[in-house]
Amino acid sequence: MGISAVIPAYGEAENLKYLLPQIKTALSKTGEEYEIIVVDGIISVDNSREICHNFGAKYLNQEEAGFGGAIRTGIRHASMDKLLMLDGDGSHNPEYIPKLHKALMSGADVAIGSRYARGGKTLDSKISVAMSKLLNFIYRLLLGIDARDVSTNYRMYRTSQIKQIVLKCENYDVLEEILLKLKLYKPTLKIKEIPIRFDKRKLGKSKRRFLPFAASYAKTLFILLLQRFSAQRH
């Protein structure tokens, strides 16, 4: 019993200095045992290993390429019965962790820290928000996922469920893939959204690139639609 907190954090050493103490404080408020797992790139570009050591976090180099590879690495090494994920750039405020935990303990299979649930807020640019909302609407509608924010990585899962699904996406589209495959694995999947304020990254630059990002999402939507319809026929 406990919480495995997984943080994909390639080149985020400076942000981790501020983030890790906040995550530890928030996790301690749940009353659960916990572990913190930081997943760096295949080859590190900074001193993240040293910072993790200083704050008592487990440091891993991701075992597969891309953001999806970092997510799969974290899932593979999670040892507690609940799995928390959040970004390592400081945009996900750890103060919401106890609320996500409460939602899971009250019966949800997935608790989402949501920008677009009633009461949620994002500090991204207007263009980024418009694109994100459109993406979320399309995926939510076509994949039948009962959540307003399907593209955020700020979530808490039941570890036993997420370890049962096979994830293949290499990029950020792995986040939608997780929700669909969890739903296919458990048709009665209950998702609870907790409104959050999504902050701008604290330090450094985003790793997202628009053209590869858009192409990856379009391809993944087609593949996931096929998987959804195939599962419905059976």
C-alpha atoms as a PDB file:
ATOM      1  CA  MET A   1       0.000   0.000   0.000  1.00  0.00           C
ATOM      2  CA  GLY A   2       1.252   3.466  -0.828  1.00  0.00           C
ATOM      3  CA  ILE A   3       1.926   5.934  -3.651  1.00  0.00           C
ATOM      4  CA  SER A   4       4.579   5.741  -6.370  1.00  0.00           C
ATOM      5  CA  ALA A   5       5.104   9.287  -7.645  1.00  0.00           C
ATOM      6  CA  VAL A   6       6.606   9.178 -11.161  1.00  0.00           C
ATOM      7  CA  ILE A   7       8.116  12.337 -12.658  1.00  0.00           C
ATOM      8  CA  PRO A   8       9.373  12.336 -16.270  1.00  0.00           C
ATOM      9  CA  ALA A   9      12.094  14.977 -16.057  1.00  0.00           C
ATOM     10  CA  TYR A  10      14.592  15.225 -18.898  1.00  0.00           C
ATOM     11  CA  GLY A  11      16.892  18.214 -18.399  1.00  0.00           C
ATOM     12  CA  GLU A  12      14.855  19.510 -15.448  1.00  0.00           C
ATOM     13  CA  ALA A  13      17.525  19.569 -12.724  1.00  0.00           C
ATOM     14  CA  GLU A  14      16.911  23.194 -11.734  1.00  0.00           C
ATOM     15  CA  ASN A  15      13.148  22.631 -11.509  1.00  0.00           C
ATOM     16  CA  LEU A  16      13.607  19.443  -9.479  1.00  0.00           C
ATOM     17  CA  LYS A  17      15.386  21.413  -6.747  1.00  0.00           C
ATOM     18  CA  TYR A  18      12.123  23.242  -6.042  1.00  0.00           C
ATOM     19  CA  LEU A  19       9.667  20.512  -7.029  1.00  0.00           C
ATOM     20  CA  LEU A  20      10.918  17.508  -5.048  1.00  0.00           C
ATOM     21  CA  PRO A  21      10.559  19.093  -1.580  1.00  0.00           C
ATOM     22  CA  GLN A  22       7.031  20.235  -2.470  1.00  0.00           C
ATOM     23  CA  ILE A  23       6.072  16.759  -3.692  1.00  0.00           C
ATOM     24  CA  LYS A  24       7.386  15.177  -0.484  1.00  0.00           C
ATOM     25  CA  THR A  25       5.373  17.612   1.625  1.00  0.00           C
ATOM     26  CA  ALA A  26       2.188  16.967  -0.369  1.00  0.00           C
ATOM     27  CA  LEU A  27       2.628  13.185  -0.335  1.00  0.00           C
ATOM     28  CA  SER A  28       3.148  13.199   3.433  1.00  0.00           C
ATOM     29  CA  LYS A  29      -0.295  14.817   3.820  1.00  0.00           C
ATOM     30  CA  THR A  30      -1.965  11.723   2.341  1.00  0.00           C
ATOM     31  CA  GLY A  31      -0.816   9.616   5.278  1.00  0.00           C
ATOM     32  CA  GLU A  32       0.454   6.968   2.863  1.00  0.00           C
ATOM     33  CA  GLU A  33       3.875   5.444   2.427  1.00  0.00           C
ATOM     34  CA  TYR A  34       5.427   6.753  -0.778  1.00  0.00           C
ATOM     35  CA  GLU A  35       8.322   6.589  -3.190  1.00  0.00           C
ATOM     36  CA  ILE A  36       9.404   9.251  -5.690  1.00  0.00           C
ATOM     37  CA  ILE A  37      10.768   8.066  -9.039  1.00  0.00           C
ATOM     38  CA  VAL A  38      12.407  10.588 -11.373  1.00  0.00           C
ATOM     39  CA  VAL A  39      12.783   9.370 -14.955  1.00  0.00           C
ATOM     40  CA  ASP A  40      15.574  11.214 -16.763  1.00  0.00           C
ATOM     41  CA  GLY A  41      16.478  10.822 -20.445  1.00  0.00           C
ATOM     42  CA  ILE A  42      18.354   7.839 -21.811  1.00  0.00           C
ATOM     43  CA  ILE A  43      21.463  10.012 -21.498  1.00  0.00           C
ATOM     44  CA  SER A  44      21.355  12.729 -18.842  1.00  0.00           C
ATOM     45  CA  VAL A  45      22.256  16.310 -19.745  1.00  0.00           C
ATOM     46  CA  ASP A  46      22.494  17.708 -16.212  1.00  0.00           C
ATOM     47  CA  ASN A  47      22.998  16.797 -12.548  1.00  0.00           C
ATOM     48  CA  SER A  48      19.508  15.398 -11.944  1.00  0.00           C
ATOM     49  CA  ARG A  49      20.956  12.213 -10.439  1.00  0.00           C
ATOM     50  CA  GLU A  50      22.735  14.202  -7.712  1.00  0.00           C
ATOM     51  CA  ILE A  51      19.646  16.266  -6.945  1.00  0.00           C
ATOM     52  CA  CYS A  52      17.483  13.139  -6.654  1.00  0.00           C
ATOM     53  CA  HIS A  53      20.021  11.634  -4.276  1.00  0.00           C
ATOM     54  CA  ASN A  54      19.976  14.790  -2.134  1.00  0.00           C
ATOM     55  CA  PHE A  55      16.182  14.660  -1.786  1.00  0.00           C
ATOM     56  CA  GLY A  56      15.771  10.910  -1.371  1.00  0.00           C
ATOM     57  CA  ALA A  57      14.192  10.278  -4.782  1.00  0.00           C
ATOM     58  CA  LYS A  58      14.904   7.236  -6.928  1.00  0.00           C
ATOM     59  CA  TYR A  59      16.706   8.202 -10.147  1.00  0.00           C
ATOM     60  CA  LEU A  60      16.211   6.257 -13.391  1.00  0.00           C
ATOM     61  CA  ASN A  61      17.306   6.728 -16.980  1.00  0.00           C
ATOM     62  CA  GLN A  62      14.405   5.961 -19.280  1.00  0.00           C
ATOM     63  CA  GLU A  63      14.647   2.583 -20.987  1.00  0.00           C
ATOM     64  CA  GLU A  64      12.878   3.565 -24.222  1.00  0.00           C
ATOM     65  CA  ALA A  65      12.925   6.707 -26.346  1.00  0.00           C
ATOM     66  CA  GLY A  66      10.458   9.583 -26.187  1.00  0.00           C
ATOM     67  CA  PHE A  67       7.996  10.823 -23.586  1.00  0.00           C
ATOM     68  CA  GLY A  68       6.045   7.586 -23.964  1.00  0.00           C
ATOM     69  CA  GLY A  69       9.211   5.670 -23.167  1.00  0.00           C
ATOM     70  CA  ALA A  70       9.682   7.688 -19.976  1.00  0.00           C
ATOM     71  CA  ILE A  71       6.096   6.956 -18.944  1.00  0.00           C
ATOM     72  CA  ARG A  72       6.518   3.220 -19.557  1.00  0.00           C
ATOM     73  CA  THR A  73       9.777   3.192 -17.604  1.00  0.00           C
ATOM     74  CA  GLY A  74       8.090   4.831 -14.630  1.00  0.00           C
ATOM     75  CA  ILE A  75       5.136   2.430 -14.701  1.00  0.00           C
ATOM     76  CA  ARG A  76       7.470  -0.553 -14.933  1.00  0.00           C
ATOM     77  CA  HIS A  77       9.362   0.468 -11.780  1.00  0.00           C
ATOM     78  CA  ALA A  78       6.410   1.614  -9.654  1.00  0.00           C
ATOM     79  CA  SER A  79       6.037  -0.651  -6.605  1.00  0.00           C
ATOM     80  CA  MET A  80       3.134   0.913  -4.671  1.00  0.00           C
ATOM     81  CA  ASP A  81      -0.584   0.262  -5.270  1.00  0.00           C
ATOM     82  CA  LYS A  82      -1.306   3.837  -6.393  1.00  0.00           C
ATOM     83  CA  LEU A  83       0.626   5.610  -9.140  1.00  0.00           C
ATOM     84  CA  LEU A  84       0.869   9.386  -9.305  1.00  0.00           C
ATOM     85  CA  MET A  85       2.256  11.120 -12.383  1.00  0.00           C
ATOM     86  CA  LEU A  86       3.125  14.765 -12.826  1.00  0.00           C
ATOM     87  CA  ASP A  87       5.470  16.777 -15.011  1.00  0.00           C
ATOM     88  CA  GLY A  88       8.939  17.808 -13.888  1.00  0.00           C
ATOM     89  CA  ASP A  89       8.828  21.397 -15.180  1.00  0.00           C
ATOM     90  CA  GLY A  90       6.876  22.883 -12.275  1.00  0.00           C
ATOM     91  CA  SER A  91       3.629  23.393 -14.211  1.00  0.00           C
ATOM     92  CA  HIS A  92       1.805  20.857 -11.996  1.00  0.00           C
ATOM     93  CA  ASN A  93       1.555  22.264  -8.490  1.00  0.00           C
ATOM     94  CA  PRO A  94       1.989  19.413  -5.957  1.00  0.00           C
ATOM     95  CA  GLU A  95      -0.557  21.025  -3.615  1.00  0.00           C
ATOM     96  CA  TYR A  96      -3.328  19.117  -5.453  1.00  0.00           C
ATOM     97  CA  ILE A  97      -1.859  15.678  -4.680  1.00  0.00           C
ATOM     98  CA  PRO A  98      -3.970  15.109  -1.536  1.00  0.00           C
ATOM     99  CA  LYS A  99      -7.145  15.894  -3.518  1.00  0.00           C
ATOM    100  CA  LEU A 100      -6.181  13.424  -6.245  1.00  0.00           C
ATOM    101  CA  HIS A 101      -5.506  10.836  -3.561  1.00  0.00           C
ATOM    102  CA  LYS A 102      -8.885  11.513  -1.919  1.00  0.00           C
ATOM    103  CA  ALA A 103     -10.651  11.074  -5.278  1.00  0.00           C
ATOM    104  CA  LEU A 104      -8.979   7.713  -5.841  1.00  0.00           C
ATOM    105  CA  MET A 105      -9.758   6.569  -2.311  1.00  0.00           C
ATOM    106  CA  SER A 106     -13.412   7.530  -2.781  1.00  0.00           C
ATOM    107  CA  GLY A 107     -13.773   5.030  -5.636  1.00  0.00           C
ATOM    108  CA  ALA A 108     -12.298   6.558  -8.792  1.00  0.00           C
ATOM    109  CA  ASP A 109     -10.053   4.423 -11.010  1.00  0.00           C
ATOM    110  CA  VAL A 110      -8.289   7.509 -12.372  1.00  0.00           C
ATOM    111  CA  ALA A 111      -8.060  10.957 -10.763  1.00  0.00           C
ATOM    112  CA  ILE A 112      -7.107  13.765 -13.162  1.00  0.00           C
ATOM    113  CA  GLY A 113      -5.735  17.163 -12.233  1.00  0.00           C
ATOM    114  CA  SER A 114      -7.850  19.015 -14.773  1.00  0.00           C
ATOM    115  CA  ARG A 115      -7.365  22.409 -16.374  1.00  0.00           C
ATOM    116  CA  TYR A 116     -10.783  22.308 -18.001  1.00  0.00           C
ATOM    117  CA  ALA A 117     -13.069  20.969 -15.274  1.00  0.00           C
ATOM    118  CA  ARG A 118     -15.274  23.597 -13.644  1.00  0.00           C
ATOM    119  CA  GLY A 119     -12.988  25.722 -11.453  1.00  0.00           C
ATOM    120  CA  GLY A 120      -9.838  24.780 -13.345  1.00  0.00           C
ATOM    121  CA  LYS A 121      -7.472  27.319 -14.878  1.00  0.00           C
ATOM    122  CA  THR A 122      -4.464  27.404 -17.192  1.00  0.00           C
ATOM    123  CA  LEU A 123      -1.808  30.089 -17.535  1.00  0.00           C
ATOM    124  CA  ASP A 124      -0.717  28.911 -21.005  1.00  0.00           C
ATOM    125  CA  SER A 125      -0.876  31.281 -23.994  1.00  0.00           C
ATOM    126  CA  LYS A 126      -4.260  31.801 -25.680  1.00  0.00           C
ATOM    127  CA  ILE A 127      -3.093  29.938 -28.792  1.00  0.00           C
ATOM    128  CA  SER A 128      -1.868  26.978 -26.743  1.00  0.00           C
ATOM    129  CA  VAL A 129      -5.128  26.862 -24.780  1.00  0.00           C
ATOM    130  CA  ALA A 130      -7.253  26.999 -27.943  1.00  0.00           C
ATOM    131  CA  MET A 131      -5.270  24.162 -29.545  1.00  0.00           C
ATOM    132  CA  SER A 132      -5.382  22.116 -26.351  1.00  0.00           C
ATOM    133  CA  LYS A 133      -9.146  22.503 -25.947  1.00  0.00           C
ATOM    134  CA  LEU A 134      -9.721  21.502 -29.569  1.00  0.00           C
ATOM    135  CA  LEU A 135      -7.502  18.454 -29.179  1.00  0.00           C
ATOM    136  CA  ASN A 136      -9.272  17.445 -25.980  1.00  0.00           C
ATOM    137  CA  PHE A 137     -12.713  17.859 -27.567  1.00  0.00           C
ATOM    138  CA  ILE A 138     -11.809  15.701 -30.580  1.00  0.00           C
ATOM    139  CA  TYR A 139     -10.230  12.929 -28.525  1.00  0.00           C
ATOM    140  CA  ARG A 140     -12.974  12.991 -25.900  1.00  0.00           C
ATOM    141  CA  LEU A 141     -15.704  12.789 -28.533  1.00  0.00           C
ATOM    142  CA  LEU A 142     -14.177  10.161 -30.814  1.00  0.00           C
ATOM    143  CA  LEU A 143     -12.736   7.923 -28.117  1.00  0.00           C
ATOM    144  CA  GLY A 144     -15.681   8.204 -25.742  1.00  0.00           C
ATOM    145  CA  ILE A 145     -13.590   9.220 -22.739  1.00  0.00           C
ATOM    146  CA  ASP A 146     -15.603  10.825 -19.956  1.00  0.00           C
ATOM    147  CA  ALA A 147     -13.206  13.624 -19.023  1.00  0.00           C
ATOM    148  CA  ARG A 148     -12.688  17.218 -20.106  1.00  0.00           C
ATOM    149  CA  ASP A 149      -8.880  17.154 -19.857  1.00  0.00           C
ATOM    150  CA  VAL A 150      -7.533  13.998 -21.522  1.00  0.00           C
ATOM    151  CA  SER A 151      -4.123  15.384 -22.477  1.00  0.00           C
ATOM    152  CA  THR A 152      -2.677  16.206 -19.065  1.00  0.00           C
ATOM    153  CA  ASN A 153      -0.076  14.076 -17.295  1.00  0.00           C
ATOM    154  CA  TYR A 154      -1.207  15.153 -13.805  1.00  0.00           C
ATOM    155  CA  ARG A 155      -3.022  11.982 -12.751  1.00  0.00           C
ATOM    156  CA  MET A 156      -3.281   9.271 -10.137  1.00  0.00           C
ATOM    157  CA  TYR A 157      -3.990   5.682 -11.179  1.00  0.00           C
ATOM    158  CA  ARG A 158      -4.468   2.302  -9.588  1.00  0.00           C
ATOM    159  CA  THR A 159      -1.125   0.663 -10.305  1.00  0.00           C
ATOM    160  CA  SER A 160      -2.548  -2.816 -10.813  1.00  0.00           C
ATOM    161  CA  GLN A 161      -4.772  -1.515 -13.629  1.00  0.00           C
ATOM    162  CA  ILE A 162      -2.181   0.520 -15.507  1.00  0.00           C
ATOM    163  CA  LYS A 163       0.325  -2.334 -15.384  1.00  0.00           C
ATOM    164  CA  GLN A 164      -2.210  -4.516 -17.227  1.00  0.00           C
ATOM    165  CA  ILE A 165      -2.284  -2.404 -20.401  1.00  0.00           C
ATOM    166  CA  VAL A 166       0.284  -2.376 -23.204  1.00  0.00           C
ATOM    167  CA  LEU A 167       1.349   1.140 -24.239  1.00  0.00           C
ATOM    168  CA  LYS A 168       2.965   1.807 -27.607  1.00  0.00           C
ATOM    169  CA  CYS A 169       2.867   5.570 -28.238  1.00  0.00           C
ATOM    170  CA  GLU A 170       6.258   7.288 -28.208  1.00  0.00           C
ATOM    171  CA  ASN A 171       5.194  10.886 -27.629  1.00  0.00           C
ATOM    172  CA  TYR A 172       2.711  12.884 -25.532  1.00  0.00           C
ATOM    173  CA  ASP A 173      -0.191  11.034 -27.189  1.00  0.00           C
ATOM    174  CA  VAL A 174       0.564   8.207 -24.748  1.00  0.00           C
ATOM    175  CA  LEU A 175      -1.644  10.130 -22.302  1.00  0.00           C
ATOM    176  CA  GLU A 176      -4.780   9.595 -24.392  1.00  0.00           C
ATOM    177  CA  GLU A 177      -3.688   6.045 -25.135  1.00  0.00           C
ATOM    178  CA  ILE A 178      -3.599   5.291 -21.399  1.00  0.00           C
ATOM    179  CA  LEU A 179      -7.177   6.462 -20.842  1.00  0.00           C
ATOM    180  CA  LEU A 180      -8.609   4.559 -23.804  1.00  0.00           C
ATOM    181  CA  LYS A 181      -6.800   1.336 -22.984  1.00  0.00           C
ATOM    182  CA  LEU A 182      -7.797   1.559 -19.330  1.00  0.00           C
ATOM    183  CA  LYS A 183     -11.400   1.955 -20.491  1.00  0.00           C
ATOM    184  CA  LEU A 184     -11.095  -1.034 -22.814  1.00  0.00           C
ATOM    185  CA  TYR A 185      -9.533  -3.031 -19.968  1.00  0.00           C
ATOM    186  CA  LYS A 186     -12.289  -1.937 -17.572  1.00  0.00           C
ATOM    187  CA  PRO A 187     -15.478  -0.709 -19.361  1.00  0.00           C
ATOM    188  CA  THR A 188     -16.872   0.635 -16.064  1.00  0.00           C
ATOM    189  CA  LEU A 189     -13.767   2.822 -15.582  1.00  0.00           C
ATOM    190  CA  LYS A 190     -14.571   5.746 -13.281  1.00  0.00           C
ATOM    191  CA  ILE A 191     -12.682   8.988 -13.921  1.00  0.00           C
ATOM    192  CA  LYS A 192     -12.791  11.866 -11.441  1.00  0.00           C
ATOM    193  CA  GLU A 193     -11.479  15.312 -12.404  1.00  0.00           C
ATOM    194  CA  ILE A 194     -10.035  17.663  -9.800  1.00  0.00           C
ATOM    195  CA  PRO A 195      -9.826  21.302 -10.966  1.00  0.00           C
ATOM    196  CA  ILE A 196      -6.307  22.707 -10.854  1.00  0.00           C
ATOM    197  CA  ARG A 197      -4.400  25.785 -11.936  1.00  0.00           C
ATOM    198  CA  PHE A 198      -1.905  24.834 -14.623  1.00  0.00           C
ATOM    199  CA  ASP A 199       1.164  27.054 -14.231  1.00  0.00           C
ATOM    200  CA  LYS A 200       3.809  27.985 -16.765  1.00  0.00           C
ATOM    201  CA  ARG A 201       7.033  25.981 -16.496  1.00  0.00           C
ATOM    202  CA  LYS A 202       9.327  27.400 -13.837  1.00  0.00           C
ATOM    203  CA  LEU A 203      12.703  27.260 -15.636  1.00  0.00           C
ATOM    204  CA  GLY A 204      14.082  26.025 -18.965  1.00  0.00           C
ATOM    205  CA  LYS A 205      12.390  25.453 -22.318  1.00  0.00           C
ATOM    206  CA  SER A 206       9.609  23.118 -23.419  1.00  0.00           C
ATOM    207  CA  LYS A 207      10.604  19.941 -25.304  1.00  0.00           C
ATOM    208  CA  ARG A 208       7.435  19.923 -27.388  1.00  0.00           C
ATOM    209  CA  ARG A 209       7.730  20.656 -31.125  1.00  0.00           C
ATOM    210  CA  PHE A 210       4.537  21.558 -32.977  1.00  0.00           C
ATOM    211  CA  LEU A 211       4.855  19.619 -36.254  1.00  0.00           C
ATOM    212  CA  PRO A 212       5.995  16.268 -34.776  1.00  0.00           C
ATOM    213  CA  PHE A 213       3.459  16.805 -31.990  1.00  0.00           C
ATOM    214  CA  ALA A 214       0.548  17.343 -34.412  1.00  0.00           C
ATOM    215  CA  ALA A 215       1.553  14.497 -36.720  1.00  0.00           C
ATOM    216  CA  SER A 216       1.889  12.093 -33.820  1.00  0.00           C
ATOM    217  CA  TYR A 217      -1.548  12.982 -32.441  1.00  0.00           C
ATOM    218  CA  ALA A 218      -3.251  12.570 -35.820  1.00  0.00           C
ATOM    219  CA  LYS A 219      -1.686   9.145 -36.356  1.00  0.00           C
ATOM    220  CA  THR A 220      -2.488   8.027 -32.829  1.00  0.00           C
ATOM    221  CA  LEU A 221      -6.126   9.130 -33.066  1.00  0.00           C
ATOM    222  CA  PHE A 222      -6.595   6.915 -36.123  1.00  0.00           C
ATOM    223  CA  ILE A 223      -4.934   3.925 -34.430  1.00  0.00           C
ATOM    224  CA  LEU A 224      -6.889   4.332 -31.186  1.00  0.00           C
ATOM    225  CA  LEU A 225     -10.176   4.681 -33.071  1.00  0.00           C
ATOM    226  CA  LEU A 226      -9.489   1.359 -34.794  1.00  0.00           C
ATOM    227  CA  GLN A 227      -8.739  -0.237 -31.426  1.00  0.00           C
ATOM    228  CA  ARG A 228     -11.926   1.174 -29.892  1.00  0.00           C
ATOM    229  CA  PHE A 229     -14.158  -0.062 -32.712  1.00  0.00           C
ATOM    230  CA  SER A 230     -12.430  -3.439 -32.809  1.00  0.00           C
ATOM    231  CA  ALA A 231     -13.019  -3.889 -29.068  1.00  0.00           C
ATOM    232  CA  GLN A 232     -16.696  -2.901 -29.441  1.00  0.00           C
ATOM    233  CA  ARG A 233     -17.241  -5.546 -32.168  1.00  0.00           C
ATOM    234  CA  HIS A 234     -15.920  -8.205 -29.831  1.00  0.00           C
END
